[in-house]
Amino acid sequence: MPRKQKAGKFKLKTHKATSKRFRLSGSGVLLRTKGGKSHLRRRTAKRTKALFTEMIPVEGEKIIKRVKRLAPHMGD
C-alpha cells in the first residue's frame, strides 16, 4: 500500500548546471569558472589557456541571489 505524502512538504532540488559552474569558498565567497575551456583551443596561447583554470569571484548581488536559489545546498 503506498504511503500518503504530507501536505505542504516538498524537496528542494539543486539545479545541476549551476552546481557544476559555481563553488562556494571557505569564507563564503561565490566563485565561478571561466568559459571556453573545453574545445577550439588549438590556436589559443598557452598563457591564455593557463588563465582558464582560475576561479573568479562573482560580483553582482542579483546573480549571487539567483545562484543561491538554484543551488540551495551548495554551502553544506
N, C-alpha and C. Protein backbone atom coordinates (compact mmCIF):
# COMPACT_ATOMS: atom_id res chain seq x y z
N MET A 1 0.84 -1.19 0.00
CA MET A 1 0.00 0.00 0.00
C MET A 1 0.89 1.25 0.00
N PRO A 2 0.69 2.17 -0.95
CA PRO A 2 1.55 3.36 -1.00
C PRO A 2 1.30 4.30 0.18
N ARG A 3 2.39 4.95 0.58
CA ARG A 3 2.29 5.89 1.69
C ARG A 3 1.68 7.20 1.24
N LYS A 4 1.01 7.88 2.13
CA LYS A 4 0.46 9.20 1.83
C LYS A 4 1.55 10.24 1.98
N GLN A 5 1.57 11.20 1.06
CA GLN A 5 2.53 12.28 1.18
C GLN A 5 1.98 13.35 2.11
N LYS A 6 2.90 13.96 2.86
CA LYS A 6 2.49 15.03 3.77
C LYS A 6 2.15 16.28 2.97
N ALA A 7 1.09 16.92 3.32
CA ALA A 7 0.66 18.12 2.60
C ALA A 7 1.61 19.28 2.89
N GLY A 8 1.98 20.00 1.84
CA GLY A 8 2.80 21.20 2.00
C GLY A 8 4.28 20.95 2.09
N LYS A 9 4.73 19.72 2.06
CA LYS A 9 6.16 19.41 2.15
C LYS A 9 6.67 19.05 0.76
N PHE A 10 7.82 19.61 0.40
CA PHE A 10 8.42 19.26 -0.89
C PHE A 10 9.93 19.34 -0.75
N LYS A 11 10.60 18.61 -1.61
CA LYS A 11 12.06 18.58 -1.60
C LYS A 11 12.62 19.72 -2.46
N LEU A 12 13.65 20.35 -1.95
CA LEU A 12 14.36 21.35 -2.74
C LEU A 12 15.37 20.62 -3.61
N LYS A 13 15.30 20.83 -4.90
CA LYS A 13 16.22 20.16 -5.80
C LYS A 13 17.26 21.15 -6.32
N THR A 14 18.50 20.69 -6.40
CA THR A 14 19.59 21.51 -6.89
C THR A 14 19.60 21.54 -8.40
N HIS A 15 19.79 22.73 -8.97
CA HIS A 15 19.96 22.88 -10.42
C HIS A 15 21.38 22.44 -10.73
N LYS A 16 21.52 21.30 -11.40
CA LYS A 16 22.83 20.65 -11.57
C LYS A 16 23.83 21.48 -12.37
N ALA A 17 23.36 22.19 -13.39
CA ALA A 17 24.27 23.01 -14.19
C ALA A 17 24.87 24.13 -13.33
N THR A 18 24.06 24.69 -12.43
CA THR A 18 24.55 25.74 -11.54
C THR A 18 25.58 25.18 -10.57
N SER A 19 25.32 24.00 -10.01
CA SER A 19 26.25 23.44 -9.03
C SER A 19 27.58 23.05 -9.67
N LYS A 20 27.58 22.78 -10.98
CA LYS A 20 28.83 22.45 -11.66
C LYS A 20 29.63 23.68 -12.04
N ARG A 21 28.96 24.81 -12.24
CA ARG A 21 29.65 26.03 -12.68
C ARG A 21 30.14 26.90 -11.53
N PHE A 22 29.54 26.80 -10.37
CA PHE A 22 29.86 27.68 -9.25
C PHE A 22 30.33 26.89 -8.04
N ARG A 23 31.17 27.51 -7.21
CA ARG A 23 31.64 26.93 -5.95
C ARG A 23 31.53 28.00 -4.88
N LEU A 24 31.42 27.55 -3.64
CA LEU A 24 31.41 28.47 -2.52
C LEU A 24 32.72 28.28 -1.77
N SER A 25 33.47 29.36 -1.57
CA SER A 25 34.77 29.25 -0.89
C SER A 25 34.55 29.09 0.61
N GLY A 26 35.62 28.83 1.31
CA GLY A 26 35.54 28.65 2.76
C GLY A 26 35.06 29.88 3.48
N SER A 27 35.38 31.06 2.94
CA SER A 27 34.95 32.31 3.56
C SER A 27 33.55 32.74 3.11
N GLY A 28 32.92 31.93 2.24
CA GLY A 28 31.56 32.23 1.81
C GLY A 28 31.45 33.05 0.54
N VAL A 29 32.57 33.21 -0.18
CA VAL A 29 32.54 33.97 -1.43
C VAL A 29 32.14 33.03 -2.56
N LEU A 30 31.24 33.47 -3.41
CA LEU A 30 30.81 32.67 -4.55
C LEU A 30 31.82 32.81 -5.67
N LEU A 31 32.33 31.67 -6.17
CA LEU A 31 33.32 31.66 -7.23
C LEU A 31 32.74 31.02 -8.48
N ARG A 32 33.18 31.50 -9.64
CA ARG A 32 32.71 30.93 -10.90
C ARG A 32 33.89 30.46 -11.74
N THR A 33 33.62 29.50 -12.63
CA THR A 33 34.65 29.03 -13.54
C THR A 33 34.61 29.89 -14.80
N LYS A 34 35.66 29.81 -15.59
CA LYS A 34 35.69 30.54 -16.86
C LYS A 34 35.18 29.65 -17.97
N GLY A 35 34.55 30.27 -18.96
CA GLY A 35 34.09 29.52 -20.12
C GLY A 35 35.20 29.37 -21.13
N GLY A 36 35.01 28.51 -22.12
CA GLY A 36 35.98 28.33 -23.19
C GLY A 36 37.11 27.39 -22.85
N LYS A 37 36.89 26.45 -21.93
CA LYS A 37 37.97 25.55 -21.53
C LYS A 37 37.95 24.22 -22.27
N SER A 38 36.86 23.91 -22.95
CA SER A 38 36.71 22.55 -23.44
C SER A 38 37.27 22.31 -24.85
N HIS A 39 36.82 23.04 -25.86
CA HIS A 39 37.26 22.75 -27.21
C HIS A 39 37.56 24.04 -27.97
N LEU A 40 38.11 23.89 -29.20
CA LEU A 40 38.55 25.01 -30.04
C LEU A 40 39.64 25.84 -29.35
N ARG A 41 40.60 25.14 -28.73
CA ARG A 41 41.67 25.83 -28.01
C ARG A 41 43.02 25.65 -28.68
N ARG A 42 43.04 25.10 -29.88
CA ARG A 42 44.32 24.77 -30.51
C ARG A 42 45.14 26.03 -30.81
N ARG A 43 44.46 27.09 -31.24
CA ARG A 43 45.16 28.32 -31.61
C ARG A 43 45.29 29.29 -30.43
N THR A 44 44.80 28.91 -29.29
CA THR A 44 44.87 29.79 -28.12
C THR A 44 46.27 29.72 -27.51
N ALA A 45 46.77 30.85 -27.06
CA ALA A 45 48.10 30.91 -26.46
C ALA A 45 48.14 30.12 -25.14
N LYS A 46 49.30 29.57 -24.81
CA LYS A 46 49.44 28.75 -23.60
C LYS A 46 49.15 29.56 -22.34
N ARG A 47 49.57 30.81 -22.35
CA ARG A 47 49.32 31.68 -21.20
C ARG A 47 47.83 31.88 -20.99
N THR A 48 47.09 32.08 -22.08
CA THR A 48 45.65 32.26 -22.01
C THR A 48 44.98 30.99 -21.50
N LYS A 49 45.44 29.84 -21.98
CA LYS A 49 44.87 28.55 -21.54
C LYS A 49 45.12 28.33 -20.06
N ALA A 50 46.28 28.77 -19.59
CA ALA A 50 46.60 28.63 -18.17
C ALA A 50 45.67 29.49 -17.31
N LEU A 51 45.27 30.64 -17.85
CA LEU A 51 44.37 31.53 -17.11
C LEU A 51 42.96 30.98 -17.00
N PHE A 52 42.59 30.02 -17.87
CA PHE A 52 41.26 29.42 -17.82
C PHE A 52 41.02 28.62 -16.55
N THR A 53 42.10 28.16 -15.90
CA THR A 53 41.94 27.30 -14.72
C THR A 53 41.53 28.09 -13.48
N GLU A 54 41.74 29.40 -13.49
CA GLU A 54 41.41 30.22 -12.32
C GLU A 54 39.91 30.26 -12.06
N MET A 55 39.54 30.42 -10.81
CA MET A 55 38.16 30.67 -10.46
C MET A 55 38.06 32.12 -10.00
N ILE A 56 37.03 32.80 -10.48
CA ILE A 56 36.89 34.24 -10.26
C ILE A 56 35.73 34.49 -9.31
N PRO A 57 35.87 35.42 -8.37
CA PRO A 57 34.73 35.76 -7.50
C PRO A 57 33.61 36.41 -8.30
N VAL A 58 32.39 36.05 -7.96
CA VAL A 58 31.22 36.59 -8.65
C VAL A 58 30.88 37.94 -8.05
N GLU A 59 30.70 38.94 -8.90
CA GLU A 59 30.30 40.27 -8.45
C GLU A 59 28.90 40.53 -8.96
N GLY A 60 28.07 41.07 -8.13
CA GLY A 60 26.68 41.33 -8.51
C GLY A 60 25.74 40.61 -7.57
N GLU A 61 25.02 41.38 -6.78
CA GLU A 61 24.15 40.81 -5.76
C GLU A 61 23.04 39.95 -6.35
N LYS A 62 22.49 40.38 -7.48
CA LYS A 62 21.35 39.66 -8.07
C LYS A 62 21.77 38.29 -8.58
N ILE A 63 22.97 38.20 -9.16
CA ILE A 63 23.44 36.91 -9.67
C ILE A 63 23.70 35.97 -8.50
N ILE A 64 24.31 36.47 -7.44
CA ILE A 64 24.57 35.66 -6.25
C ILE A 64 23.26 35.14 -5.66
N LYS A 65 22.27 36.00 -5.61
CA LYS A 65 20.96 35.61 -5.08
C LYS A 65 20.33 34.51 -5.94
N ARG A 66 20.45 34.64 -7.26
CA ARG A 66 19.89 33.66 -8.18
C ARG A 66 20.58 32.31 -8.04
N VAL A 67 21.93 32.34 -7.92
CA VAL A 67 22.69 31.09 -7.79
C VAL A 67 22.34 30.38 -6.49
N LYS A 68 22.20 31.14 -5.42
CA LYS A 68 21.85 30.53 -4.13
C LYS A 68 20.45 29.96 -4.14
N ARG A 69 19.56 30.54 -4.94
CA ARG A 69 18.21 29.99 -5.06
C ARG A 69 18.22 28.70 -5.90
N LEU A 70 19.05 28.66 -6.95
CA LEU A 70 19.13 27.49 -7.81
C LEU A 70 19.84 26.32 -7.15
N ALA A 71 20.81 26.63 -6.29
CA ALA A 71 21.58 25.57 -5.61
C ALA A 71 21.53 25.82 -4.10
N PRO A 72 20.40 25.49 -3.45
CA PRO A 72 20.25 25.82 -2.04
C PRO A 72 21.18 25.05 -1.10
N HIS A 73 21.66 23.88 -1.54
CA HIS A 73 22.51 23.05 -0.66
C HIS A 73 23.99 23.24 -0.94
N MET A 74 24.37 24.26 -1.70
CA MET A 74 25.75 24.42 -2.12
C MET A 74 26.71 24.60 -0.95
N GLY A 75 26.35 25.34 0.04
CA GLY A 75 27.24 25.61 1.16
C GLY A 75 27.35 24.50 2.18
N ASP A 76 26.54 23.45 2.04
CA ASP A 76 26.55 22.37 3.03
C ASP A 76 27.79 21.52 2.96
